[in-house]
Amino acid sequence: MSKHLREAVGLPLRPQEETECRRCEVHCDKIVYPGACVRRSCPFLYAYEAFEHTYVGCMQKIYEVEIDLDLLRMAEEAKGFGAVKAKREPLPMCQAEVDQCYTHRRDRLGCRNPEFSELPVGQPTFRVLARVRRS
């Protein structure tokens, strides 16, 4: 099997649904901002109390960590809590980005997986310009 065929076989059917990409030397990860979940009152945000603290997490497991709500609020007031790595494809309501590491490794060929950077926006990423009518 040729080198190019082996690389093509390894490509996923839906690369935009992956949460990390390692197809080139620039490693990319999808990240989400839990502080935005709290600000936006996300319907998938859950909370529970333990050890005299309130912890929040995502019911859809977009991110798997559970965060102390008081610490998250203090960090948001100071300069922002920041992002955590997405473990599942972010939903359209998530504040999400693609984070690139090792950008200095980028070569002339560029991104091997450009669809990876497509984040869900709640609507199709294409537009219908004309419709064909059959007579």
N, C-alpha and C. Protein backbone atom coordinates (compact mmCIF):
# COMPACT_ATOMS: atom_id res chain seq x y z
N MET A 1 0.85 -1.16 0.00
CA MET A 1 0.00 0.00 0.00
C MET A 1 0.90 1.23 0.00
N SER A 2 0.59 2.20 -0.84
CA SER A 2 1.42 3.40 -0.94
C SER A 2 1.25 4.28 0.30
N LYS A 3 2.22 5.14 0.54
CA LYS A 3 2.19 6.03 1.70
C LYS A 3 0.95 6.93 1.66
N HIS A 4 0.63 7.48 0.50
CA HIS A 4 -0.52 8.38 0.38
C HIS A 4 -1.83 7.66 0.62
N LEU A 5 -1.93 6.41 0.17
CA LEU A 5 -3.15 5.63 0.39
C LEU A 5 -3.31 5.32 1.87
N ARG A 6 -2.22 4.99 2.56
CA ARG A 6 -2.29 4.73 4.00
C ARG A 6 -2.76 5.98 4.74
N GLU A 7 -2.27 7.16 4.36
CA GLU A 7 -2.70 8.39 5.02
C GLU A 7 -4.17 8.65 4.75
N ALA A 8 -4.64 8.41 3.54
CA ALA A 8 -6.04 8.64 3.19
C ALA A 8 -6.96 7.69 3.96
N VAL A 9 -6.53 6.45 4.15
CA VAL A 9 -7.35 5.48 4.88
C VAL A 9 -7.52 5.93 6.33
N GLY A 10 -6.52 6.60 6.87
CA GLY A 10 -6.58 7.05 8.25
C GLY A 10 -7.46 8.27 8.48
N LEU A 11 -7.93 8.93 7.44
CA LEU A 11 -8.77 10.10 7.60
C LEU A 11 -10.15 9.71 8.10
N PRO A 12 -10.70 10.45 9.05
CA PRO A 12 -12.02 10.12 9.58
C PRO A 12 -13.12 10.50 8.60
N LEU A 13 -14.28 9.89 8.79
CA LEU A 13 -15.43 10.21 7.95
C LEU A 13 -15.93 11.63 8.20
N ARG A 14 -15.93 12.05 9.45
CA ARG A 14 -16.38 13.40 9.83
C ARG A 14 -15.33 14.06 10.71
N PRO A 15 -14.31 14.65 10.10
CA PRO A 15 -13.22 15.22 10.90
C PRO A 15 -13.65 16.37 11.80
N GLN A 16 -14.73 17.08 11.47
CA GLN A 16 -15.16 18.17 12.31
C GLN A 16 -15.73 17.68 13.64
N GLU A 17 -16.02 16.38 13.76
CA GLU A 17 -16.54 15.82 15.00
C GLU A 17 -15.44 15.35 15.94
N GLU A 18 -14.19 15.37 15.51
CA GLU A 18 -13.08 14.99 16.37
C GLU A 18 -12.79 16.12 17.35
N THR A 19 -12.18 15.80 18.47
CA THR A 19 -11.84 16.84 19.44
C THR A 19 -10.34 17.14 19.46
N GLU A 20 -9.56 16.34 18.77
CA GLU A 20 -8.13 16.64 18.63
C GLU A 20 -7.65 16.16 17.28
N CYS A 21 -6.64 16.82 16.78
CA CYS A 21 -6.07 16.46 15.48
C CYS A 21 -4.56 16.39 15.62
N ARG A 22 -3.99 15.30 15.16
CA ARG A 22 -2.54 15.09 15.19
C ARG A 22 -2.02 14.67 13.82
N ARG A 23 -2.67 15.13 12.74
CA ARG A 23 -2.32 14.72 11.38
C ARG A 23 -1.05 15.40 10.86
N CYS A 24 -0.66 16.49 11.52
CA CYS A 24 0.59 17.15 11.13
C CYS A 24 1.35 17.49 12.41
N GLU A 25 2.43 18.19 12.29
CA GLU A 25 3.25 18.53 13.45
C GLU A 25 2.63 19.61 14.34
N VAL A 26 1.64 20.34 13.82
CA VAL A 26 0.91 21.32 14.62
C VAL A 26 -0.25 20.56 15.26
N HIS A 27 -0.26 20.43 16.56
CA HIS A 27 -1.32 19.67 17.24
C HIS A 27 -2.45 20.61 17.61
N CYS A 28 -3.68 20.23 17.26
CA CYS A 28 -4.85 21.07 17.51
C CYS A 28 -5.83 20.35 18.44
N ASP A 29 -6.45 21.11 19.33
CA ASP A 29 -7.46 20.59 20.25
C ASP A 29 -8.65 21.53 20.25
N LYS A 30 -9.85 20.98 20.38
CA LYS A 30 -11.03 21.81 20.58
C LYS A 30 -11.15 22.07 22.07
N ILE A 31 -11.43 23.33 22.41
CA ILE A 31 -11.55 23.73 23.81
C ILE A 31 -12.88 24.44 24.01
N VAL A 32 -13.39 24.38 25.25
CA VAL A 32 -14.63 25.06 25.61
C VAL A 32 -14.39 25.86 26.88
N TYR A 33 -15.24 26.87 27.10
CA TYR A 33 -15.12 27.77 28.24
C TYR A 33 -16.26 27.51 29.22
N PRO A 34 -15.99 26.84 30.34
CA PRO A 34 -17.05 26.56 31.33
C PRO A 34 -17.67 27.83 31.92
N GLY A 35 -16.90 28.91 32.00
CA GLY A 35 -17.45 30.17 32.51
C GLY A 35 -18.59 30.66 31.65
N ALA A 36 -18.51 30.41 30.34
CA ALA A 36 -19.59 30.81 29.43
C ALA A 36 -20.85 29.99 29.70
N CYS A 37 -20.68 28.74 30.10
CA CYS A 37 -21.85 27.90 30.43
C CYS A 37 -22.63 28.51 31.58
N VAL A 38 -21.90 29.00 32.59
CA VAL A 38 -22.54 29.62 33.75
C VAL A 38 -23.20 30.93 33.34
N ARG A 39 -22.48 31.78 32.61
CA ARG A 39 -23.03 33.08 32.17
C ARG A 39 -24.27 32.92 31.32
N ARG A 40 -24.26 31.92 30.44
CA ARG A 40 -25.37 31.72 29.51
C ARG A 40 -26.48 30.85 30.08
N SER A 41 -26.34 30.41 31.32
CA SER A 41 -27.31 29.50 31.95
C SER A 41 -27.60 28.30 31.06
N CYS A 42 -26.56 27.64 30.66
CA CYS A 42 -26.68 26.48 29.77
C CYS A 42 -27.61 25.43 30.40
N PRO A 43 -28.56 24.91 29.63
CA PRO A 43 -29.48 23.91 30.19
C PRO A 43 -28.80 22.58 30.51
N PHE A 44 -27.58 22.38 30.05
CA PHE A 44 -26.88 21.13 30.31
C PHE A 44 -25.87 21.26 31.46
N LEU A 45 -25.85 22.39 32.11
CA LEU A 45 -24.96 22.60 33.25
C LEU A 45 -25.64 22.01 34.49
N TYR A 46 -24.93 21.18 35.21
CA TYR A 46 -25.48 20.64 36.46
C TYR A 46 -24.63 21.10 37.62
N ALA A 47 -25.21 21.05 38.81
CA ALA A 47 -24.49 21.44 40.01
C ALA A 47 -24.83 20.47 41.13
N TYR A 48 -23.88 20.26 42.02
CA TYR A 48 -24.12 19.47 43.22
C TYR A 48 -23.24 20.00 44.34
N GLU A 49 -23.65 19.70 45.55
CA GLU A 49 -22.89 20.15 46.71
C GLU A 49 -22.18 18.97 47.36
N ALA A 50 -20.92 19.21 47.72
CA ALA A 50 -20.11 18.21 48.42
C ALA A 50 -19.01 18.95 49.18
N PHE A 51 -18.73 18.50 50.37
CA PHE A 51 -17.64 19.08 51.17
C PHE A 51 -17.80 20.60 51.33
N GLU A 52 -19.06 21.03 51.51
CA GLU A 52 -19.40 22.43 51.72
C GLU A 52 -19.04 23.33 50.52
N HIS A 53 -18.97 22.76 49.34
CA HIS A 53 -18.72 23.51 48.11
C HIS A 53 -19.74 23.08 47.06
N THR A 54 -19.98 23.96 46.10
CA THR A 54 -20.85 23.65 44.96
C THR A 54 -19.96 23.42 43.75
N TYR A 55 -20.17 22.30 43.07
CA TYR A 55 -19.41 21.95 41.87
C TYR A 55 -20.34 21.93 40.68
N VAL A 56 -19.83 22.34 39.51
CA VAL A 56 -20.62 22.33 38.28
C VAL A 56 -19.90 21.49 37.22
N GLY A 57 -20.70 20.94 36.32
CA GLY A 57 -20.16 20.14 35.21
C GLY A 57 -21.15 20.13 34.06
N CYS A 58 -20.80 19.42 33.02
CA CYS A 58 -21.63 19.35 31.81
C CYS A 58 -22.32 18.00 31.71
N MET A 59 -23.65 18.00 31.63
CA MET A 59 -24.40 16.75 31.50
C MET A 59 -24.10 16.04 30.19
N GLN A 60 -23.75 16.79 29.14
CA GLN A 60 -23.45 16.19 27.84
C GLN A 60 -22.00 15.70 27.78
N LYS A 61 -21.23 15.95 28.83
CA LYS A 61 -19.82 15.54 28.92
C LYS A 61 -18.98 16.12 27.78
N ILE A 62 -19.33 17.36 27.37
CA ILE A 62 -18.48 18.06 26.40
C ILE A 62 -17.11 18.25 27.04
N TYR A 63 -17.09 18.62 28.31
CA TYR A 63 -15.87 18.58 29.11
C TYR A 63 -16.17 17.70 30.31
N GLU A 64 -15.17 16.98 30.79
CA GLU A 64 -15.40 15.98 31.82
C GLU A 64 -15.12 16.46 33.23
N VAL A 65 -14.47 17.61 33.39
CA VAL A 65 -14.11 18.07 34.73
C VAL A 65 -15.32 18.67 35.44
N GLU A 66 -15.29 18.60 36.76
CA GLU A 66 -16.27 19.28 37.59
C GLU A 66 -15.52 20.36 38.34
N ILE A 67 -16.06 21.58 38.33
CA ILE A 67 -15.33 22.75 38.80
C ILE A 67 -16.03 23.37 39.99
N ASP A 68 -15.26 23.78 40.98
CA ASP A 68 -15.79 24.49 42.14
C ASP A 68 -16.38 25.82 41.65
N LEU A 69 -17.67 26.01 41.86
CA LEU A 69 -18.38 27.17 41.33
C LEU A 69 -17.83 28.49 41.90
N ASP A 70 -17.51 28.50 43.19
CA ASP A 70 -16.96 29.73 43.78
C ASP A 70 -15.62 30.10 43.16
N LEU A 71 -14.75 29.12 42.95
CA LEU A 71 -13.45 29.39 42.33
C LEU A 71 -13.61 29.83 40.88
N LEU A 72 -14.57 29.23 40.18
CA LEU A 72 -14.82 29.62 38.79
C LEU A 72 -15.28 31.07 38.73
N ARG A 73 -16.20 31.45 39.61
CA ARG A 73 -16.71 32.83 39.62
C ARG A 73 -15.60 33.82 39.98
N MET A 74 -14.75 33.47 40.96
CA MET A 74 -13.65 34.36 41.33
C MET A 74 -12.68 34.53 40.16
N ALA A 75 -12.38 33.45 39.48
CA ALA A 75 -11.46 33.53 38.33
C ALA A 75 -12.08 34.33 37.19
N GLU A 76 -13.38 34.16 36.96
CA GLU A 76 -14.07 34.92 35.91
C GLU A 76 -14.03 36.41 36.21
N GLU A 77 -14.21 36.79 37.47
CA GLU A 77 -14.17 38.21 37.85
C GLU A 77 -12.77 38.78 37.69
N ALA A 78 -11.75 37.99 38.00
CA ALA A 78 -10.37 38.47 37.93
C ALA A 78 -9.92 38.67 36.49
N LYS A 79 -9.86 37.60 35.73
CA LYS A 79 -9.41 37.73 34.33
C LYS A 79 -9.94 36.62 33.43
N GLY A 80 -10.90 35.87 33.92
CA GLY A 80 -11.46 34.79 33.12
C GLY A 80 -10.92 33.45 33.57
N PHE A 81 -11.78 32.49 33.68
CA PHE A 81 -11.38 31.15 34.14
C PHE A 81 -10.52 30.45 33.10
N GLY A 82 -10.83 30.68 31.84
CA GLY A 82 -10.08 30.02 30.78
C GLY A 82 -10.83 28.83 30.22
N ALA A 83 -10.12 28.05 29.44
CA ALA A 83 -10.75 26.95 28.71
C ALA A 83 -10.30 25.60 29.24
N VAL A 84 -11.11 24.59 28.92
CA VAL A 84 -10.75 23.20 29.19
C VAL A 84 -10.89 22.42 27.88
N LYS A 85 -10.19 21.34 27.79
CA LYS A 85 -10.23 20.53 26.57
C LYS A 85 -11.59 19.85 26.42
N ALA A 86 -12.14 19.94 25.22
CA ALA A 86 -13.40 19.26 24.92
C ALA A 86 -13.14 17.77 24.75
N LYS A 87 -13.99 16.97 25.34
CA LYS A 87 -13.88 15.51 25.21
C LYS A 87 -14.88 14.96 24.21
N ARG A 88 -15.88 15.77 23.85
CA ARG A 88 -16.87 15.43 22.83
C ARG A 88 -17.05 16.65 21.95
N GLU A 89 -17.69 16.47 20.81
CA GLU A 89 -17.92 17.60 19.91
C GLU A 89 -18.74 18.67 20.61
N PRO A 90 -18.26 19.92 20.64
CA PRO A 90 -19.03 20.99 21.28
C PRO A 90 -20.39 21.19 20.60
N LEU A 91 -21.36 21.57 21.40
CA LEU A 91 -22.70 21.86 20.89
C LEU A 91 -22.74 23.28 20.34
N PRO A 92 -23.74 23.62 19.53
CA PRO A 92 -23.80 24.98 18.98
C PRO A 92 -23.83 26.07 20.05
N MET A 93 -24.38 25.78 21.24
CA MET A 93 -24.46 26.80 22.28
C MET A 93 -23.16 26.95 23.06
N CYS A 94 -22.20 26.07 22.87
CA CYS A 94 -20.93 26.13 23.59
C CYS A 94 -20.04 27.25 23.04
N GLN A 95 -19.35 27.93 23.94
CA GLN A 95 -18.31 28.86 23.50
C GLN A 95 -17.07 27.99 23.31
N ALA A 96 -16.73 27.74 22.06
CA ALA A 96 -15.66 26.80 21.74
C ALA A 96 -14.69 27.42 20.74
N GLU A 97 -13.47 26.91 20.74
CA GLU A 97 -12.43 27.34 19.82
C GLU A 97 -11.55 26.15 19.49
N VAL A 98 -10.70 26.34 18.51
CA VAL A 98 -9.65 25.37 18.21
C VAL A 98 -8.34 25.99 18.67
N ASP A 99 -7.65 25.29 19.55
CA ASP A 99 -6.38 25.74 20.09
C ASP A 99 -5.25 25.00 19.37
N GLN A 100 -4.30 25.74 18.82
CA GLN A 100 -3.18 25.14 18.10
C GLN A 100 -1.91 25.22 18.95
N CYS A 101 -1.22 24.12 19.05
CA CYS A 101 0.07 24.08 19.73
C CYS A 101 1.15 23.93 18.66
N TYR A 102 2.33 24.33 18.98
CA TYR A 102 3.48 24.14 18.09
C TYR A 102 3.26 24.76 16.70
N THR A 103 2.71 25.97 16.67
CA THR A 103 2.45 26.61 15.38
C THR A 103 3.74 26.87 14.60
N HIS A 104 4.86 26.92 15.29
CA HIS A 104 6.15 27.12 14.60
C HIS A 104 6.52 25.90 13.75
N ARG A 105 5.84 24.77 13.94
CA ARG A 105 6.10 23.57 13.15
C ARG A 105 5.34 23.54 11.82
N ARG A 106 4.47 24.53 11.60
CA ARG A 106 3.65 24.58 10.39
C ARG A 106 4.57 24.55 9.16
N ASP A 107 4.20 23.76 8.16
CA ASP A 107 5.01 23.67 6.95
C ASP A 107 4.27 24.29 5.76
N ARG A 108 4.87 24.23 4.59
CA ARG A 108 4.28 24.85 3.40
C ARG A 108 2.98 24.20 2.97
N LEU A 109 2.81 22.94 3.25
CA LEU A 109 1.60 22.23 2.85
C LEU A 109 0.37 22.72 3.62
N GLY A 110 0.56 23.15 4.87
CA GLY A 110 -0.54 23.67 5.66
C GLY A 110 -1.33 22.57 6.35
N CYS A 111 -2.55 22.89 6.72
CA CYS A 111 -3.39 21.98 7.50
C CYS A 111 -3.78 20.75 6.68
N ARG A 112 -3.59 19.58 7.26
CA ARG A 112 -3.96 18.32 6.60
C ARG A 112 -5.42 17.97 6.82
N ASN A 113 -6.06 18.69 7.74
CA ASN A 113 -7.42 18.37 8.15
C ASN A 113 -8.21 19.67 8.35
N PRO A 114 -8.44 20.46 7.28
CA PRO A 114 -9.07 21.78 7.44
C PRO A 114 -10.49 21.73 8.01
N GLU A 115 -11.20 20.63 7.82
CA GLU A 115 -12.56 20.54 8.35
C GLU A 115 -12.57 20.44 9.88
N PHE A 116 -11.45 20.09 10.47
CA PHE A 116 -11.38 19.97 11.92
C PHE A 116 -11.74 21.30 12.59
N SER A 117 -11.37 22.40 11.98
CA SER A 117 -11.60 23.71 12.58
C SER A 117 -13.04 24.18 12.48
N GLU A 118 -13.90 23.43 11.80
CA GLU A 118 -15.30 23.81 11.70
C GLU A 118 -15.99 23.51 13.02
N LEU A 119 -16.48 24.54 13.67
CA LEU A 119 -17.19 24.37 14.93
C LEU A 119 -18.69 24.48 14.68
N PRO A 120 -19.50 23.79 15.48
CA PRO A 120 -20.95 23.87 15.27
C PRO A 120 -21.46 25.28 15.53
N VAL A 121 -22.28 25.77 14.63
CA VAL A 121 -22.81 27.12 14.76
C VAL A 121 -24.33 27.14 14.84
N GLY A 122 -24.95 26.00 14.85
CA GLY A 122 -26.40 25.95 14.97
C GLY A 122 -27.14 26.07 13.67
N GLN A 123 -26.44 26.24 12.58
CA GLN A 123 -27.08 26.31 11.28
C GLN A 123 -26.10 25.78 10.24
N PRO A 124 -26.58 25.39 9.07
CA PRO A 124 -25.67 24.85 8.05
C PRO A 124 -24.59 25.85 7.67
N THR A 125 -23.43 25.33 7.28
CA THR A 125 -22.32 26.20 6.90
C THR A 125 -22.33 26.49 5.41
N PHE A 126 -23.43 26.16 4.73
CA PHE A 126 -23.53 26.44 3.31
C PHE A 126 -24.82 27.22 3.05
N ARG A 127 -24.93 27.80 1.88
CA ARG A 127 -26.09 28.59 1.53
C ARG A 127 -26.61 28.13 0.17
N VAL A 128 -27.92 28.00 0.02
CA VAL A 128 -28.53 27.62 -1.25
C VAL A 128 -28.67 28.90 -2.08
N LEU A 129 -28.06 28.90 -3.27
CA LEU A 129 -28.10 30.07 -4.13
C LEU A 129 -29.20 29.98 -5.18
N ALA A 130 -29.52 28.78 -5.59
CA ALA A 130 -30.56 28.61 -6.60
C ALA A 130 -31.22 27.26 -6.43
N ARG A 131 -32.46 27.17 -6.83
CA ARG A 131 -33.18 25.90 -6.78
C ARG A 131 -33.56 25.54 -8.20
N VAL A 132 -33.42 24.29 -8.53
CA VAL A 132 -33.77 23.82 -9.86
C VAL A 132 -35.18 23.24 -9.82
N ARG A 133 -36.03 23.73 -10.73
CA ARG A 133 -37.41 23.23 -10.80
C ARG A 133 -37.54 22.32 -12.01
N ARG A 134 -38.15 21.22 -11.78
CA ARG A 134 -38.40 20.29 -12.90
C ARG A 134 -39.78 20.58 -13.44
N SER A 135 -39.90 20.56 -14.77
CA SER A 135 -41.21 20.83 -15.38
C SER A 135 -41.94 19.57 -15.73
